[in-house]
Amino acid sequence: MKTVIYHNNRCGKSRCALQVLEETGQPFEVVEYLKTPLTAVEIRKLLKKMGKKPLEIIRTKEAVFKEDFQGKDLTDEAWIAAMVEHPILMERPIIVRGEEAWIARDEAALERLRNG
């Protein structure tokens, strides 16, 4: 089963997850979501696979969040629209393997990659 990584090369955690994937020797696809932003439908599918709400994968430390969204009480659909318009808001890296998806920012999440 092929793995997909939603990757931002400027992010150390994302580069680390990519390195772990490379070390496994398993096939995977890299989606540079800042260059090829996801659609609302794609984001909804990711959220469903992760079992998360949109706000749970929003990067609240990004400048665009602080400037345009901080303190706002938006609907799930409005948060999804914000991620479509500003892909930098989406947490990374997101790993998809079959019907499963997770954010690979900690050692336990990276271990899931290693054990493929």
PDB file of N, CA and C in Angstrom:
ATOM      1  N   MET A   1       0.845  -1.180   0.000  1.00  0.00           N
ATOM      2  CA  MET A   1       0.000   0.000   0.000  1.00  0.00           C
ATOM      3  C   MET A   1       0.890   1.242   0.000  1.00  0.00           C
ATOM      4  N   LYS A   2       0.622   2.129  -0.944  1.00  0.00           N
ATOM      5  CA  LYS A   2       1.432   3.328  -1.068  1.00  0.00           C
ATOM      6  C   LYS A   2       1.073   4.353   0.006  1.00  0.00           C
ATOM      7  N   THR A   3       2.091   5.039   0.457  1.00  0.00           N
ATOM      8  CA  THR A   3       1.946   6.094   1.449  1.00  0.00           C
ATOM      9  C   THR A   3       2.048   7.439   0.744  1.00  0.00           C
ATOM     10  N   VAL A   4       1.280   8.398   1.214  1.00  0.00           N
ATOM     11  CA  VAL A   4       1.337   9.773   0.705  1.00  0.00           C
ATOM     12  C   VAL A   4       1.730  10.670   1.863  1.00  0.00           C
ATOM     13  N   ILE A   5       2.655  11.591   1.609  1.00  0.00           N
ATOM     14  CA  ILE A   5       3.031  12.594   2.605  1.00  0.00           C
ATOM     15  C   ILE A   5       2.687  13.970   2.051  1.00  0.00           C
ATOM     16  N   TYR A   6       1.892  14.720   2.806  1.00  0.00           N
ATOM     17  CA  TYR A   6       1.609  16.116   2.487  1.00  0.00           C
ATOM     18  C   TYR A   6       2.719  16.902   3.162  1.00  0.00           C
ATOM     19  N   HIS A   7       3.593  17.459   2.347  1.00  0.00           N
ATOM     20  CA  HIS A   7       4.921  17.895   2.767  1.00  0.00           C
ATOM     21  C   HIS A   7       5.145  19.382   2.501  1.00  0.00           C
ATOM     22  N   ASN A   8       5.864  19.997   3.448  1.00  0.00           N
ATOM     23  CA  ASN A   8       6.361  21.370   3.280  1.00  0.00           C
ATOM     24  C   ASN A   8       7.860  21.297   3.538  1.00  0.00           C
ATOM     25  N   ASN A   9       8.653  21.491   2.513  1.00  0.00           N
ATOM     26  CA  ASN A   9      10.098  21.334   2.624  1.00  0.00           C
ATOM     27  C   ASN A   9      10.742  22.332   3.578  1.00  0.00           C
ATOM     28  N   ARG A  10      10.067  23.424   3.883  1.00  0.00           N
ATOM     29  CA  ARG A  10      10.626  24.421   4.802  1.00  0.00           C
ATOM     30  C   ARG A  10      10.414  24.038   6.264  1.00  0.00           C
ATOM     31  N   CYS A  11       9.675  22.964   6.500  1.00  0.00           N
ATOM     32  CA  CYS A  11       9.338  22.525   7.858  1.00  0.00           C
ATOM     33  C   CYS A  11      10.253  21.381   8.278  1.00  0.00           C
ATOM     34  N   GLY A  12      10.958  21.545   9.389  1.00  0.00           N
ATOM     35  CA  GLY A  12      11.866  20.526   9.880  1.00  0.00           C
ATOM     36  C   GLY A  12      11.168  19.216  10.198  1.00  0.00           C
ATOM     37  N   LYS A  13       9.990  19.274  10.805  1.00  0.00           N
ATOM     38  CA  LYS A  13       9.246  18.054  11.140  1.00  0.00           C
ATOM     39  C   LYS A  13       8.840  17.312   9.863  1.00  0.00           C
ATOM     40  N   SER A  14       8.474  18.069   8.845  1.00  0.00           N
ATOM     41  CA  SER A  14       8.081  17.467   7.580  1.00  0.00           C
ATOM     42  C   SER A  14       9.289  16.822   6.895  1.00  0.00           C
ATOM     43  N   ARG A  15      10.422  17.507   6.932  1.00  0.00           N
ATOM     44  CA  ARG A  15      11.644  16.932   6.349  1.00  0.00           C
ATOM     45  C   ARG A  15      12.051  15.666   7.085  1.00  0.00           C
ATOM     46  N   CYS A  16      11.879  15.642   8.396  1.00  0.00           N
ATOM     47  CA  CYS A  16      12.203  14.471   9.205  1.00  0.00           C
ATOM     48  C   CYS A  16      11.312  13.287   8.804  1.00  0.00           C
ATOM     49  N   ALA A  17      10.021  13.517   8.665  1.00  0.00           N
ATOM     50  CA  ALA A  17       9.103  12.451   8.268  1.00  0.00           C
ATOM     51  C   ALA A  17       9.440  11.934   6.875  1.00  0.00           C
ATOM     52  N   LEU A  18       9.794  12.837   5.975  1.00  0.00           N
ATOM     53  CA  LEU A  18      10.190  12.432   4.625  1.00  0.00           C
ATOM     54  C   LEU A  18      11.431  11.545   4.675  1.00  0.00           C
ATOM     55  N   GLN A  19      12.376  11.904   5.509  1.00  0.00           N
ATOM     56  CA  GLN A  19      13.599  11.105   5.661  1.00  0.00           C
ATOM     57  C   GLN A  19      13.269   9.703   6.183  1.00  0.00           C
ATOM     58  N   VAL A  20      12.378   9.626   7.162  1.00  0.00           N
ATOM     59  CA  VAL A  20      11.971   8.327   7.693  1.00  0.00           C
ATOM     60  C   VAL A  20      11.334   7.489   6.580  1.00  0.00           C
ATOM     61  N   LEU A  21      10.476   8.105   5.777  1.00  0.00           N
ATOM     62  CA  LEU A  21       9.863   7.382   4.664  1.00  0.00           C
ATOM     63  C   LEU A  21      10.928   6.872   3.691  1.00  0.00           C
ATOM     64  N   GLU A  22      11.886   7.719   3.377  1.00  0.00           N
ATOM     65  CA  GLU A  22      12.954   7.312   2.461  1.00  0.00           C
ATOM     66  C   GLU A  22      13.736   6.129   3.023  1.00  0.00           C
ATOM     67  N   GLU A  23      13.989   6.142   4.319  1.00  0.00           N
ATOM     68  CA  GLU A  23      14.755   5.072   4.966  1.00  0.00           C
ATOM     69  C   GLU A  23      14.014   3.738   4.957  1.00  0.00           C
ATOM     70  N   THR A  24      12.684   3.760   4.914  1.00  0.00           N
ATOM     71  CA  THR A  24      11.927   2.511   4.926  1.00  0.00           C
ATOM     72  C   THR A  24      12.042   1.767   3.604  1.00  0.00           C
ATOM     73  N   GLY A  25      12.333   2.478   2.523  1.00  0.00           N
ATOM     74  CA  GLY A  25      12.412   1.850   1.213  1.00  0.00           C
ATOM     75  C   GLY A  25      11.056   1.520   0.618  1.00  0.00           C
ATOM     76  N   GLN A  26       9.991   1.888   1.287  1.00  0.00           N
ATOM     77  CA  GLN A  26       8.642   1.639   0.783  1.00  0.00           C
ATOM     78  C   GLN A  26       8.256   2.720  -0.221  1.00  0.00           C
ATOM     79  N   PRO A  27       7.384   2.380  -1.168  1.00  0.00           N
ATOM     80  CA  PRO A  27       6.949   3.402  -2.131  1.00  0.00           C
ATOM     81  C   PRO A  27       6.104   4.467  -1.431  1.00  0.00           C
ATOM     82  N   PHE A  28       6.294   5.709  -1.838  1.00  0.00           N
ATOM     83  CA  PHE A  28       5.473   6.801  -1.312  1.00  0.00           C
ATOM     84  C   PHE A  28       5.419   7.923  -2.329  1.00  0.00           C
ATOM     85  N   GLU A  29       4.437   8.772  -2.146  1.00  0.00           N
ATOM     86  CA  GLU A  29       4.240   9.938  -3.002  1.00  0.00           C
ATOM     87  C   GLU A  29       4.355  11.183  -2.144  1.00  0.00           C
ATOM     88  N   VAL A  30       5.041  12.194  -2.663  1.00  0.00           N
ATOM     89  CA  VAL A  30       5.171  13.473  -1.967  1.00  0.00           C
ATOM     90  C   VAL A  30       4.217  14.472  -2.612  1.00  0.00           C
ATOM     91  N   VAL A  31       3.375  15.083  -1.807  1.00  0.00           N
ATOM     92  CA  VAL A  31       2.494  16.152  -2.274  1.00  0.00           C
ATOM     93  C   VAL A  31       2.951  17.429  -1.581  1.00  0.00           C
ATOM     94  N   GLU A  32       3.516  18.335  -2.348  1.00  0.00           N
ATOM     95  CA  GLU A  32       3.922  19.627  -1.792  1.00  0.00           C
ATOM     96  C   GLU A  32       2.707  20.540  -1.833  1.00  0.00           C
ATOM     97  N   TYR A  33       1.961  20.500  -0.745  1.00  0.00           N
ATOM     98  CA  TYR A  33       0.641  21.125  -0.723  1.00  0.00           C
ATOM     99  C   TYR A  33       0.672  22.654  -0.781  1.00  0.00           C
ATOM    100  N   LEU A  34       1.823  23.259  -0.571  1.00  0.00           N
ATOM    101  CA  LEU A  34       1.895  24.714  -0.747  1.00  0.00           C
ATOM    102  C   LEU A  34       1.976  25.059  -2.236  1.00  0.00           C
ATOM    103  N   LYS A  35       2.575  24.176  -3.022  1.00  0.00           N
ATOM    104  CA  LYS A  35       2.669  24.381  -4.476  1.00  0.00           C
ATOM    105  C   LYS A  35       1.408  23.907  -5.182  1.00  0.00           C
ATOM    106  N   THR A  36       0.798  22.862  -4.648  1.00  0.00           N
ATOM    107  CA  THR A  36      -0.433  22.300  -5.208  1.00  0.00           C
ATOM    108  C   THR A  36      -1.451  22.216  -4.082  1.00  0.00           C
ATOM    109  N   PRO A  37      -2.122  23.326  -3.784  1.00  0.00           N
ATOM    110  CA  PRO A  37      -3.052  23.345  -2.649  1.00  0.00           C
ATOM    111  C   PRO A  37      -4.176  22.323  -2.796  1.00  0.00           C
ATOM    112  N   LEU A  38      -4.622  21.826  -1.662  1.00  0.00           N
ATOM    113  CA  LEU A  38      -5.713  20.866  -1.643  1.00  0.00           C
ATOM    114  C   LEU A  38      -7.041  21.576  -1.848  1.00  0.00           C
ATOM    115  N   THR A  39      -7.989  20.836  -2.382  1.00  0.00           N
ATOM    116  CA  THR A  39      -9.341  21.354  -2.522  1.00  0.00           C
ATOM    117  C   THR A  39     -10.084  21.117  -1.207  1.00  0.00           C
ATOM    118  N   ALA A  40     -11.241  21.724  -1.093  1.00  0.00           N
ATOM    119  CA  ALA A  40     -12.065  21.510   0.097  1.00  0.00           C
ATOM    120  C   ALA A  40     -12.445  20.036   0.215  1.00  0.00           C
ATOM    121  N   VAL A  41     -12.740  19.394  -0.896  1.00  0.00           N
ATOM    122  CA  VAL A  41     -13.100  17.967  -0.885  1.00  0.00           C
ATOM    123  C   VAL A  41     -11.928  17.136  -0.375  1.00  0.00           C
ATOM    124  N   GLU A  42     -10.723  17.427  -0.841  1.00  0.00           N
ATOM    125  CA  GLU A  42      -9.537  16.677  -0.395  1.00  0.00           C
ATOM    126  C   GLU A  42      -9.283  16.882   1.102  1.00  0.00           C
ATOM    127  N   ILE A  43      -9.463  18.105   1.571  1.00  0.00           N
ATOM    128  CA  ILE A  43      -9.273  18.379   3.001  1.00  0.00           C
ATOM    129  C   ILE A  43     -10.308  17.634   3.826  1.00  0.00           C
ATOM    130  N   ARG A  44     -11.557  17.624   3.371  1.00  0.00           N
ATOM    131  CA  ARG A  44     -12.598  16.882   4.094  1.00  0.00           C
ATOM    132  C   ARG A  44     -12.251  15.395   4.184  1.00  0.00           C
ATOM    133  N   LYS A  45     -11.734  14.824   3.095  1.00  0.00           N
ATOM    134  CA  LYS A  45     -11.347  13.408   3.090  1.00  0.00           C
ATOM    135  C   LYS A  45     -10.218  13.151   4.090  1.00  0.00           C
ATOM    136  N   LEU A  46      -9.234  14.047   4.115  1.00  0.00           N
ATOM    137  CA  LEU A  46      -8.136  13.906   5.077  1.00  0.00           C
ATOM    138  C   LEU A  46      -8.659  13.969   6.506  1.00  0.00           C
ATOM    139  N   LEU A  47      -9.515  14.934   6.764  1.00  0.00           N
ATOM    140  CA  LEU A  47     -10.074  15.087   8.111  1.00  0.00           C
ATOM    141  C   LEU A  47     -10.830  13.838   8.540  1.00  0.00           C
ATOM    142  N   LYS A  48     -11.593  13.272   7.628  1.00  0.00           N
ATOM    143  CA  LYS A  48     -12.355  12.061   7.946  1.00  0.00           C
ATOM    144  C   LYS A  48     -11.399  10.916   8.284  1.00  0.00           C
ATOM    145  N   LYS A  49     -10.342  10.752   7.486  1.00  0.00           N
ATOM    146  CA  LYS A  49      -9.370   9.681   7.737  1.00  0.00           C
ATOM    147  C   LYS A  49      -8.639   9.885   9.058  1.00  0.00           C
ATOM    148  N   MET A  50      -8.414  11.140   9.440  1.00  0.00           N
ATOM    149  CA  MET A  50      -7.729  11.439  10.695  1.00  0.00           C
ATOM    150  C   MET A  50      -8.668  11.427  11.896  1.00  0.00           C
ATOM    151  N   GLY A  51      -9.968  11.541  11.636  1.00  0.00           N
ATOM    152  CA  GLY A  51     -10.931  11.639  12.733  1.00  0.00           C
ATOM    153  C   GLY A  51     -10.797  12.961  13.471  1.00  0.00           C
ATOM    154  N   LYS A  52     -10.524  14.028  12.704  1.00  0.00           N
ATOM    155  CA  LYS A  52     -10.309  15.343  13.318  1.00  0.00           C
ATOM    156  C   LYS A  52     -11.262  16.376  12.739  1.00  0.00           C
ATOM    157  N   LYS A  53     -11.442  17.436  13.503  1.00  0.00           N
ATOM    158  CA  LYS A  53     -12.178  18.618  13.049  1.00  0.00           C
ATOM    159  C   LYS A  53     -11.173  19.571  12.406  1.00  0.00           C
ATOM    160  N   PRO A  54     -11.624  20.438  11.508  1.00  0.00           N
ATOM    161  CA  PRO A  54     -10.692  21.345  10.826  1.00  0.00           C
ATOM    162  C   PRO A  54      -9.806  22.154  11.768  1.00  0.00           C
ATOM    163  N   LEU A  55     -10.369  22.693  12.826  1.00  0.00           N
ATOM    164  CA  LEU A  55      -9.574  23.525  13.736  1.00  0.00           C
ATOM    165  C   LEU A  55      -8.426  22.737  14.375  1.00  0.00           C
ATOM    166  N   GLU A  56      -8.571  21.424  14.465  1.00  0.00           N
ATOM    167  CA  GLU A  56      -7.531  20.588  15.071  1.00  0.00           C
ATOM    168  C   GLU A  56      -6.284  20.461  14.202  1.00  0.00           C
ATOM    169  N   ILE A  57      -6.380  20.823  12.921  1.00  0.00           N
ATOM    170  CA  ILE A  57      -5.193  20.750  12.060  1.00  0.00           C
ATOM    171  C   ILE A  57      -4.776  22.137  11.558  1.00  0.00           C
ATOM    172  N   ILE A  58      -5.246  23.175  12.229  1.00  0.00           N
ATOM    173  CA  ILE A  58      -4.873  24.555  11.890  1.00  0.00           C
ATOM    174  C   ILE A  58      -3.609  24.930  12.661  1.00  0.00           C
ATOM    175  N   ARG A  59      -2.667  25.509  11.942  1.00  0.00           N
ATOM    176  CA  ARG A  59      -1.427  25.991  12.559  1.00  0.00           C
ATOM    177  C   ARG A  59      -1.676  27.401  13.117  1.00  0.00           C
ATOM    178  N   THR A  60      -1.870  27.485  14.411  1.00  0.00           N
ATOM    179  CA  THR A  60      -2.241  28.749  15.038  1.00  0.00           C
ATOM    180  C   THR A  60      -1.063  29.701  15.228  1.00  0.00           C
ATOM    181  N   LYS A  61       0.149  29.241  14.973  1.00  0.00           N
ATOM    182  CA  LYS A  61       1.308  30.120  15.123  1.00  0.00           C
ATOM    183  C   LYS A  61       1.690  30.824  13.818  1.00  0.00           C
ATOM    184  N   GLU A  62       1.015  30.470  12.731  1.00  0.00           N
ATOM    185  CA  GLU A  62       1.301  31.115  11.444  1.00  0.00           C
ATOM    186  C   GLU A  62       0.820  32.565  11.462  1.00  0.00           C
ATOM    187  N   ALA A  63       1.561  33.419  10.789  1.00  0.00           N
ATOM    188  CA  ALA A  63       1.224  34.848  10.738  1.00  0.00           C
ATOM    189  C   ALA A  63      -0.180  35.076  10.187  1.00  0.00           C
ATOM    190  N   VAL A  64      -0.546  34.356   9.137  1.00  0.00           N
ATOM    191  CA  VAL A  64      -1.867  34.552   8.542  1.00  0.00           C
ATOM    192  C   VAL A  64      -2.974  34.182   9.537  1.00  0.00           C
ATOM    193  N   PHE A  65      -2.739  33.207  10.389  1.00  0.00           N
ATOM    194  CA  PHE A  65      -3.727  32.880  11.421  1.00  0.00           C
ATOM    195  C   PHE A  65      -3.854  34.047  12.390  1.00  0.00           C
ATOM    196  N   LYS A  66      -2.720  34.526  12.881  1.00  0.00           N
ATOM    197  CA  LYS A  66      -2.730  35.611  13.867  1.00  0.00           C
ATOM    198  C   LYS A  66      -3.355  36.877  13.303  1.00  0.00           C
ATOM    199  N   GLU A  67      -3.080  37.156  12.028  1.00  0.00           N
ATOM    200  CA  GLU A  67      -3.577  38.387  11.406  1.00  0.00           C
ATOM    201  C   GLU A  67      -5.051  38.311  11.012  1.00  0.00           C
ATOM    202  N   ASP A  68      -5.481  37.144  10.502  1.00  0.00           N
ATOM    203  CA  ASP A  68      -6.813  37.067   9.903  1.00  0.00           C
ATOM    204  C   ASP A  68      -7.832  36.213  10.655  1.00  0.00           C
ATOM    205  N   PHE A  69      -7.366  35.309  11.529  1.00  0.00           N
ATOM    206  CA  PHE A  69      -8.302  34.332  12.084  1.00  0.00           C
ATOM    207  C   PHE A  69      -8.316  34.224  13.605  1.00  0.00           C
ATOM    208  N   GLN A  70      -7.276  34.673  14.268  1.00  0.00           N
ATOM    209  CA  GLN A  70      -7.185  34.527  15.712  1.00  0.00           C
ATOM    210  C   GLN A  70      -8.392  35.168  16.401  1.00  0.00           C
ATOM    211  N   GLY A  71      -8.985  34.414  17.322  1.00  0.00           N
ATOM    212  CA  GLY A  71     -10.126  34.927  18.073  1.00  0.00           C
ATOM    213  C   GLY A  71     -11.455  34.790  17.368  1.00  0.00           C
ATOM    214  N   LYS A  72     -11.455  34.296  16.131  1.00  0.00           N
ATOM    215  CA  LYS A  72     -12.708  34.141  15.389  1.00  0.00           C
ATOM    216  C   LYS A  72     -13.291  32.762  15.640  1.00  0.00           C
ATOM    217  N   ASP A  73     -14.592  32.719  15.732  1.00  0.00           N
ATOM    218  CA  ASP A  73     -15.317  31.469  15.932  1.00  0.00           C
ATOM    219  C   ASP A  73     -15.927  31.082  14.592  1.00  0.00           C
ATOM    220  N   LEU A  74     -15.186  30.293  13.809  1.00  0.00           N
ATOM    221  CA  LEU A  74     -15.630  29.926  12.471  1.00  0.00           C
ATOM    222  C   LEU A  74     -16.241  28.532  12.458  1.00  0.00           C
ATOM    223  N   THR A  75     -17.080  28.298  11.473  1.00  0.00           N
ATOM    224  CA  THR A  75     -17.646  26.964  11.271  1.00  0.00           C
ATOM    225  C   THR A  75     -16.565  26.055  10.695  1.00  0.00           C
ATOM    226  N   ASP A  76     -16.818  24.752  10.735  1.00  0.00           N
ATOM    227  CA  ASP A  76     -15.882  23.807  10.131  1.00  0.00           C
ATOM    228  C   ASP A  76     -15.660  24.136   8.656  1.00  0.00           C
ATOM    229  N   GLU A  77     -16.731  24.450   7.948  1.00  0.00           N
ATOM    230  CA  GLU A  77     -16.603  24.761   6.514  1.00  0.00           C
ATOM    231  C   GLU A  77     -15.786  26.035   6.291  1.00  0.00           C
ATOM    232  N   ALA A  78     -15.919  27.004   7.175  1.00  0.00           N
ATOM    233  CA  ALA A  78     -15.125  28.232   7.050  1.00  0.00           C
ATOM    234  C   ALA A  78     -13.646  27.951   7.293  1.00  0.00           C
ATOM    235  N   TRP A  79     -13.328  27.057   8.245  1.00  0.00           N
ATOM    236  CA  TRP A  79     -11.929  26.684   8.472  1.00  0.00           C
ATOM    237  C   TRP A  79     -11.366  25.941   7.274  1.00  0.00           C
ATOM    238  N   ILE A  80     -12.182  25.069   6.681  1.00  0.00           N
ATOM    239  CA  ILE A  80     -11.734  24.359   5.480  1.00  0.00           C
ATOM    240  C   ILE A  80     -11.472  25.356   4.363  1.00  0.00           C
ATOM    241  N   ALA A  81     -12.361  26.312   4.181  1.00  0.00           N
ATOM    242  CA  ALA A  81     -12.162  27.354   3.156  1.00  0.00           C
ATOM    243  C   ALA A  81     -10.889  28.150   3.429  1.00  0.00           C
ATOM    244  N   ALA A  82     -10.605  28.402   4.698  1.00  0.00           N
ATOM    245  CA  ALA A  82      -9.377  29.133   5.052  1.00  0.00           C
ATOM    246  C   ALA A  82      -8.144  28.327   4.662  1.00  0.00           C
ATOM    247  N   MET A  83      -8.181  26.992   4.864  1.00  0.00           N
ATOM    248  CA  MET A  83      -7.036  26.155   4.484  1.00  0.00           C
ATOM    249  C   MET A  83      -6.887  26.063   2.966  1.00  0.00           C
ATOM    250  N   VAL A  84      -8.002  26.110   2.245  1.00  0.00           N
ATOM    251  CA  VAL A  84      -7.932  26.120   0.783  1.00  0.00           C
ATOM    252  C   VAL A  84      -7.270  27.409   0.321  1.00  0.00           C
ATOM    253  N   GLU A  85      -7.689  28.515   0.900  1.00  0.00           N
ATOM    254  CA  GLU A  85      -7.150  29.824   0.509  1.00  0.00           C
ATOM    255  C   GLU A  85      -5.729  30.037   1.008  1.00  0.00           C
ATOM    256  N   HIS A  86      -5.416  29.526   2.202  1.00  0.00           N
ATOM    257  CA  HIS A  86      -4.107  29.709   2.834  1.00  0.00           C
ATOM    258  C   HIS A  86      -3.573  28.335   3.254  1.00  0.00           C
ATOM    259  N   PRO A  87      -3.023  27.566   2.320  1.00  0.00           N
ATOM    260  CA  PRO A  87      -2.581  26.202   2.657  1.00  0.00           C
ATOM    261  C   PRO A  87      -1.539  26.140   3.772  1.00  0.00           C
ATOM    262  N   ILE A  88      -0.837  27.227   4.014  1.00  0.00           N
ATOM    263  CA  ILE A  88       0.162  27.263   5.087  1.00  0.00           C
ATOM    264  C   ILE A  88      -0.485  27.013   6.450  1.00  0.00           C
ATOM    265  N   LEU A  89      -1.794  27.222   6.547  1.00  0.00           N
ATOM    266  CA  LEU A  89      -2.512  27.009   7.804  1.00  0.00           C
ATOM    267  C   LEU A  89      -2.634  25.530   8.175  1.00  0.00           C
ATOM    268  N   MET A  90      -2.477  24.650   7.194  1.00  0.00           N
ATOM    269  CA  MET A  90      -2.664  23.224   7.450  1.00  0.00           C
ATOM    270  C   MET A  90      -1.442  22.623   8.129  1.00  0.00           C
ATOM    271  N   GLU A  91      -1.696  21.890   9.195  1.00  0.00           N
ATOM    272  CA  GLU A  91      -0.624  21.215   9.924  1.00  0.00           C
ATOM    273  C   GLU A  91       0.115  20.253   9.003  1.00  0.00           C
ATOM    274  N   ARG A  92       1.379  20.034   9.294  1.00  0.00           N
ATOM    275  CA  ARG A  92       2.188  19.130   8.493  1.00  0.00           C
ATOM    276  C   ARG A  92       3.230  18.452   9.358  1.00  0.00           C
ATOM    277  N   PRO A  93       3.727  17.359   8.838  1.00  0.00           N
ATOM    278  CA  PRO A  93       3.299  16.638   7.638  1.00  0.00           C
ATOM    279  C   PRO A  93       2.104  15.733   7.948  1.00  0.00           C
ATOM    280  N   ILE A  94       1.250  15.577   6.972  1.00  0.00           N
ATOM    281  CA  ILE A  94       0.143  14.629   7.096  1.00  0.00           C
ATOM    282  C   ILE A  94       0.517  13.408   6.269  1.00  0.00           C
ATOM    283  N   ILE A  95       0.370  12.257   6.886  1.00  0.00           N
ATOM    284  CA  ILE A  95       0.670  10.988   6.241  1.00  0.00           C
ATOM    285  C   ILE A  95      -0.652  10.270   5.973  1.00  0.00           C
ATOM    286  N   VAL A  96      -0.792   9.728   4.775  1.00  0.00           N
ATOM    287  CA  VAL A  96      -1.973   8.937   4.430  1.00  0.00           C
ATOM    288  C   VAL A  96      -1.501   7.565   3.969  1.00  0.00           C
ATOM    289  N   ARG A  97      -2.095   6.561   4.569  1.00  0.00           N
ATOM    290  CA  ARG A  97      -1.813   5.182   4.171  1.00  0.00           C
ATOM    291  C   ARG A  97      -3.147   4.451   4.169  1.00  0.00           C
ATOM    292  N   GLY A  98      -3.671   4.209   2.977  1.00  0.00           N
ATOM    293  CA  GLY A  98      -4.989   3.568   2.860  1.00  0.00           C
ATOM    294  C   GLY A  98      -6.067   4.466   3.422  1.00  0.00           C
ATOM    295  N   GLU A  99      -6.852   3.925   4.335  1.00  0.00           N
ATOM    296  CA  GLU A  99      -7.940   4.687   4.952  1.00  0.00           C
ATOM    297  C   GLU A  99      -7.507   5.357   6.249  1.00  0.00           C
ATOM    298  N   GLU A 100      -6.226   5.369   6.489  1.00  0.00           N
ATOM    299  CA  GLU A 100      -5.671   5.917   7.724  1.00  0.00           C
ATOM    300  C   GLU A 100      -4.856   7.171   7.403  1.00  0.00           C
ATOM    301  N   ALA A 101      -4.931   8.173   8.255  1.00  0.00           N
ATOM    302  CA  ALA A 101      -4.123   9.379   8.091  1.00  0.00           C
ATOM    303  C   ALA A 101      -3.779   9.933   9.466  1.00  0.00           C
ATOM    304  N   TRP A 102      -2.607  10.541   9.558  1.00  0.00           N
ATOM    305  CA  TRP A 102      -2.181  11.128  10.823  1.00  0.00           C
ATOM    306  C   TRP A 102      -1.140  12.210  10.569  1.00  0.00           C
ATOM    307  N   ILE A 103      -0.964  13.067  11.575  1.00  0.00           N
ATOM    308  CA  ILE A 103       0.054  14.109  11.538  1.00  0.00           C
ATOM    309  C   ILE A 103       1.306  13.521  12.170  1.00  0.00           C
ATOM    310  N   ALA A 104       2.404  13.564  11.440  1.00  0.00           N
ATOM    311  CA  ALA A 104       3.650  12.918  11.879  1.00  0.00           C
ATOM    312  C   ALA A 104       4.617  13.945  12.458  1.00  0.00           C
ATOM    313  N   ARG A 105       4.291  14.453  13.636  1.00  0.00           N
ATOM    314  CA  ARG A 105       5.133  15.468  14.266  1.00  0.00           C
ATOM    315  C   ARG A 105       5.846  14.978  15.525  1.00  0.00           C
ATOM    316  N   ASP A 106       5.512  13.781  15.987  1.00  0.00           N
ATOM    317  CA  ASP A 106       6.172  13.294  17.197  1.00  0.00           C
ATOM    318  C   ASP A 106       6.750  11.905  16.943  1.00  0.00           C
ATOM    319  N   GLU A 107       7.483  11.403  17.900  1.00  0.00           N
ATOM    320  CA  GLU A 107       8.184  10.131  17.712  1.00  0.00           C
ATOM    321  C   GLU A 107       7.214   8.966  17.501  1.00  0.00           C
ATOM    322  N   ALA A 108       6.095   8.956  18.200  1.00  0.00           N
ATOM    323  CA  ALA A 108       5.123   7.875  18.037  1.00  0.00           C
ATOM    324  C   ALA A 108       4.563   7.859  16.609  1.00  0.00           C
ATOM    325  N   ALA A 109       4.305   9.035  16.063  1.00  0.00           N
ATOM    326  CA  ALA A 109       3.790   9.122  14.693  1.00  0.00           C
ATOM    327  C   ALA A 109       4.840   8.693  13.681  1.00  0.00           C
ATOM    328  N   LEU A 110       6.093   9.033  13.945  1.00  0.00           N
ATOM    329  CA  LEU A 110       7.179   8.611  13.063  1.00  0.00           C
ATOM    330  C   LEU A 110       7.383   7.096  13.138  1.00  0.00           C
ATOM    331  N   GLU A 111       7.168   6.533  14.312  1.00  0.00           N
ATOM    332  CA  GLU A 111       7.311   5.084  14.480  1.00  0.00           C
ATOM    333  C   GLU A 111       6.275   4.343  13.634  1.00  0.00           C
ATOM    334  N   ARG A 112       5.088   4.923  13.490  1.00  0.00           N
ATOM    335  CA  ARG A 112       4.070   4.330  12.606  1.00  0.00           C
ATOM    336  C   ARG A 112       4.587   4.254  11.179  1.00  0.00           C
ATOM    337  N   LEU A 113       5.369   5.260  10.779  1.00  0.00           N
ATOM    338  CA  LEU A 113       5.954   5.246   9.432  1.00  0.00           C
ATOM    339  C   LEU A 113       6.977   4.131   9.298  1.00  0.00           C
ATOM    340  N   ARG A 114       7.812   4.003  10.310  1.00  0.00           N
ATOM    341  CA  ARG A 114       8.875   2.993  10.277  1.00  0.00           C
ATOM    342  C   ARG A 114       8.303   1.580  10.218  1.00  0.00           C
ATOM    343  N   ASN A 115       7.189   1.378  10.881  1.00  0.00           N
ATOM    344  CA  ASN A 115       6.620   0.035  10.977  1.00  0.00           C
ATOM    345  C   ASN A 115       5.628  -0.275   9.866  1.00  0.00           C
ATOM    346  N   GLY A 116       5.464   0.670   8.957  1.00  0.00           N
ATOM    347  CA  GLY A 116       4.636   0.585   7.782  1.00  0.00           C
ATOM    348  C   GLY A 116       3.742  -0.538   7.610  1.00  0.00           C
TER     349      GLY A 116
END
